[in-house]
Amino acid sequence: MLQMMYCVERSDGPDQWVQEQCFKTEFKAFVNARAKSLAFTNVYRVIYQSPGLSGEVLRVAKGKALLNSDDRLVG
């Protein structure tokens, strides 16, 4: 059975990301990225990875999620 992992990456410049740690759940990865973004000045992101499939879940800075220009929020 293939397992999906959620990895925390640190921004190391424009379009440069350094993988720091991976977790089995999205929640644990988000908590880790949020804590690091509060402790340090870097932007962090959570990505999902499984064989043949990967993508960005969210970016976090100063403890808050950063929205992409194509995010569609209601309300």
C-alpha atoms as a PDB file:
ATOM      1  CA  MET A   1       0.000   0.000   0.000  1.00  0.00           C
ATOM      2  CA  LEU A   2       1.336   3.421  -0.960  1.00  0.00           C
ATOM      3  CA  GLN A   3       1.598   5.948   1.834  1.00  0.00           C
ATOM      4  CA  MET A   4       1.185   9.675   1.385  1.00  0.00           C
ATOM      5  CA  MET A   5       3.550  11.866   3.394  1.00  0.00           C
ATOM      6  CA  TYR A   6       3.249  15.550   4.226  1.00  0.00           C
ATOM      7  CA  CYS A   7       6.580  17.359   4.215  1.00  0.00           C
ATOM      8  CA  VAL A   8       7.580  20.752   5.610  1.00  0.00           C
ATOM      9  CA  GLU A   9       9.884  22.821   3.429  1.00  0.00           C
ATOM     10  CA  ARG A  10      11.649  26.111   4.240  1.00  0.00           C
ATOM     11  CA  SER A  11      11.970  28.906   1.699  1.00  0.00           C
ATOM     12  CA  ASP A  12      15.626  29.461   0.861  1.00  0.00           C
ATOM     13  CA  GLY A  13      15.148  32.152  -1.784  1.00  0.00           C
ATOM     14  CA  PRO A  14      12.935  32.728  -4.806  1.00  0.00           C
ATOM     15  CA  ASP A  15      11.596  29.346  -5.942  1.00  0.00           C
ATOM     16  CA  GLN A  16      14.095  27.501  -3.721  1.00  0.00           C
ATOM     17  CA  TRP A  17      12.792  25.152  -1.035  1.00  0.00           C
ATOM     18  CA  VAL A  18      14.702  22.975   1.445  1.00  0.00           C
ATOM     19  CA  GLN A  19      12.914  19.930   2.838  1.00  0.00           C
ATOM     20  CA  GLU A  20      13.103  19.817   6.636  1.00  0.00           C
ATOM     21  CA  GLN A  21      10.821  17.075   7.950  1.00  0.00           C
ATOM     22  CA  CYS A  22       7.996  14.743   6.841  1.00  0.00           C
ATOM     23  CA  PHE A  23       4.917  13.523   8.711  1.00  0.00           C
ATOM     24  CA  LYS A  24       2.178  10.961   8.143  1.00  0.00           C
ATOM     25  CA  THR A  25      -0.609  13.502   8.734  1.00  0.00           C
ATOM     26  CA  GLU A  26      -1.292  16.924   7.257  1.00  0.00           C
ATOM     27  CA  PHE A  27      -2.169  18.259  10.719  1.00  0.00           C
ATOM     28  CA  LYS A  28       1.232  17.381  12.224  1.00  0.00           C
ATOM     29  CA  ALA A  29       3.005  18.942   9.248  1.00  0.00           C
ATOM     30  CA  PHE A  30       0.926  22.130   9.547  1.00  0.00           C
ATOM     31  CA  VAL A  31       1.603  22.436  13.297  1.00  0.00           C
ATOM     32  CA  ASN A  32       5.334  21.983  12.668  1.00  0.00           C
ATOM     33  CA  ALA A  33       5.390  24.554   9.845  1.00  0.00           C
ATOM     34  CA  ARG A  34       3.375  27.030  11.929  1.00  0.00           C
ATOM     35  CA  ALA A  35       5.666  26.674  14.959  1.00  0.00           C
ATOM     36  CA  LYS A  36       8.759  27.173  12.811  1.00  0.00           C
ATOM     37  CA  SER A  37       7.255  30.206  11.076  1.00  0.00           C
ATOM     38  CA  LEU A  38       6.592  31.785  14.484  1.00  0.00           C
ATOM     39  CA  ALA A  39      10.102  31.011  15.763  1.00  0.00           C
ATOM     40  CA  PHE A  40      12.026  32.024  12.635  1.00  0.00           C
ATOM     41  CA  THR A  41      11.566  34.610   9.887  1.00  0.00           C
ATOM     42  CA  ASN A  42      11.341  32.109   7.028  1.00  0.00           C
ATOM     43  CA  VAL A  43       8.285  31.123   5.019  1.00  0.00           C
ATOM     44  CA  TYR A  44       7.419  27.433   5.261  1.00  0.00           C
ATOM     45  CA  ARG A  45       5.175  25.280   3.126  1.00  0.00           C
ATOM     46  CA  VAL A  46       3.524  21.897   3.485  1.00  0.00           C
ATOM     47  CA  ILE A  47       3.547  19.605   0.477  1.00  0.00           C
ATOM     48  CA  TYR A  48       2.082  16.144  -0.002  1.00  0.00           C
ATOM     49  CA  GLN A  49       4.193  13.417  -1.552  1.00  0.00           C
ATOM     50  CA  SER A  50       3.411   9.930  -2.744  1.00  0.00           C
ATOM     51  CA  PRO A  51       4.952   7.938  -5.582  1.00  0.00           C
ATOM     52  CA  GLY A  52       4.067   9.740  -8.803  1.00  0.00           C
ATOM     53  CA  LEU A  53       2.079  12.521  -7.116  1.00  0.00           C
ATOM     54  CA  SER A  54       3.022  15.653  -5.193  1.00  0.00           C
ATOM     55  CA  GLY A  55       1.738  19.163  -4.666  1.00  0.00           C
ATOM     56  CA  GLU A  56       1.641  22.124  -2.341  1.00  0.00           C
ATOM     57  CA  VAL A  57      -0.963  22.176   0.428  1.00  0.00           C
ATOM     58  CA  LEU A  58      -0.261  25.618   1.925  1.00  0.00           C
ATOM     59  CA  ARG A  59       2.382  28.195   2.843  1.00  0.00           C
ATOM     60  CA  VAL A  60       2.808  29.643   6.334  1.00  0.00           C
ATOM     61  CA  ALA A  61       4.490  32.873   7.484  1.00  0.00           C
ATOM     62  CA  LYS A  62       4.403  34.392  10.967  1.00  0.00           C
ATOM     63  CA  GLY A  63       2.008  31.633  12.042  1.00  0.00           C
ATOM     64  CA  LYS A  64      -0.610  32.366   9.377  1.00  0.00           C
ATOM     65  CA  ALA A  65      -1.457  30.718   6.075  1.00  0.00           C
ATOM     66  CA  LEU A  66      -0.542  32.706   2.972  1.00  0.00           C
ATOM     67  CA  LEU A  67      -3.119  32.799   0.205  1.00  0.00           C
ATOM     68  CA  ASN A  68      -2.265  32.271  -3.433  1.00  0.00           C
ATOM     69  CA  SER A  69      -3.683  34.635  -6.024  1.00  0.00           C
ATOM     70  CA  ASP A  70      -5.837  31.812  -7.418  1.00  0.00           C
ATOM     71  CA  ASP A  71      -7.394  30.860  -4.034  1.00  0.00           C
ATOM     72  CA  ARG A  72     -11.149  31.275  -4.057  1.00  0.00           C
ATOM     73  CA  LEU A  73     -12.535  32.109  -0.622  1.00  0.00           C
ATOM     74  CA  VAL A  74     -16.224  32.421   0.133  1.00  0.00           C
ATOM     75  CA  GLY A  75     -17.532  34.821   2.759  1.00  0.00           C
END
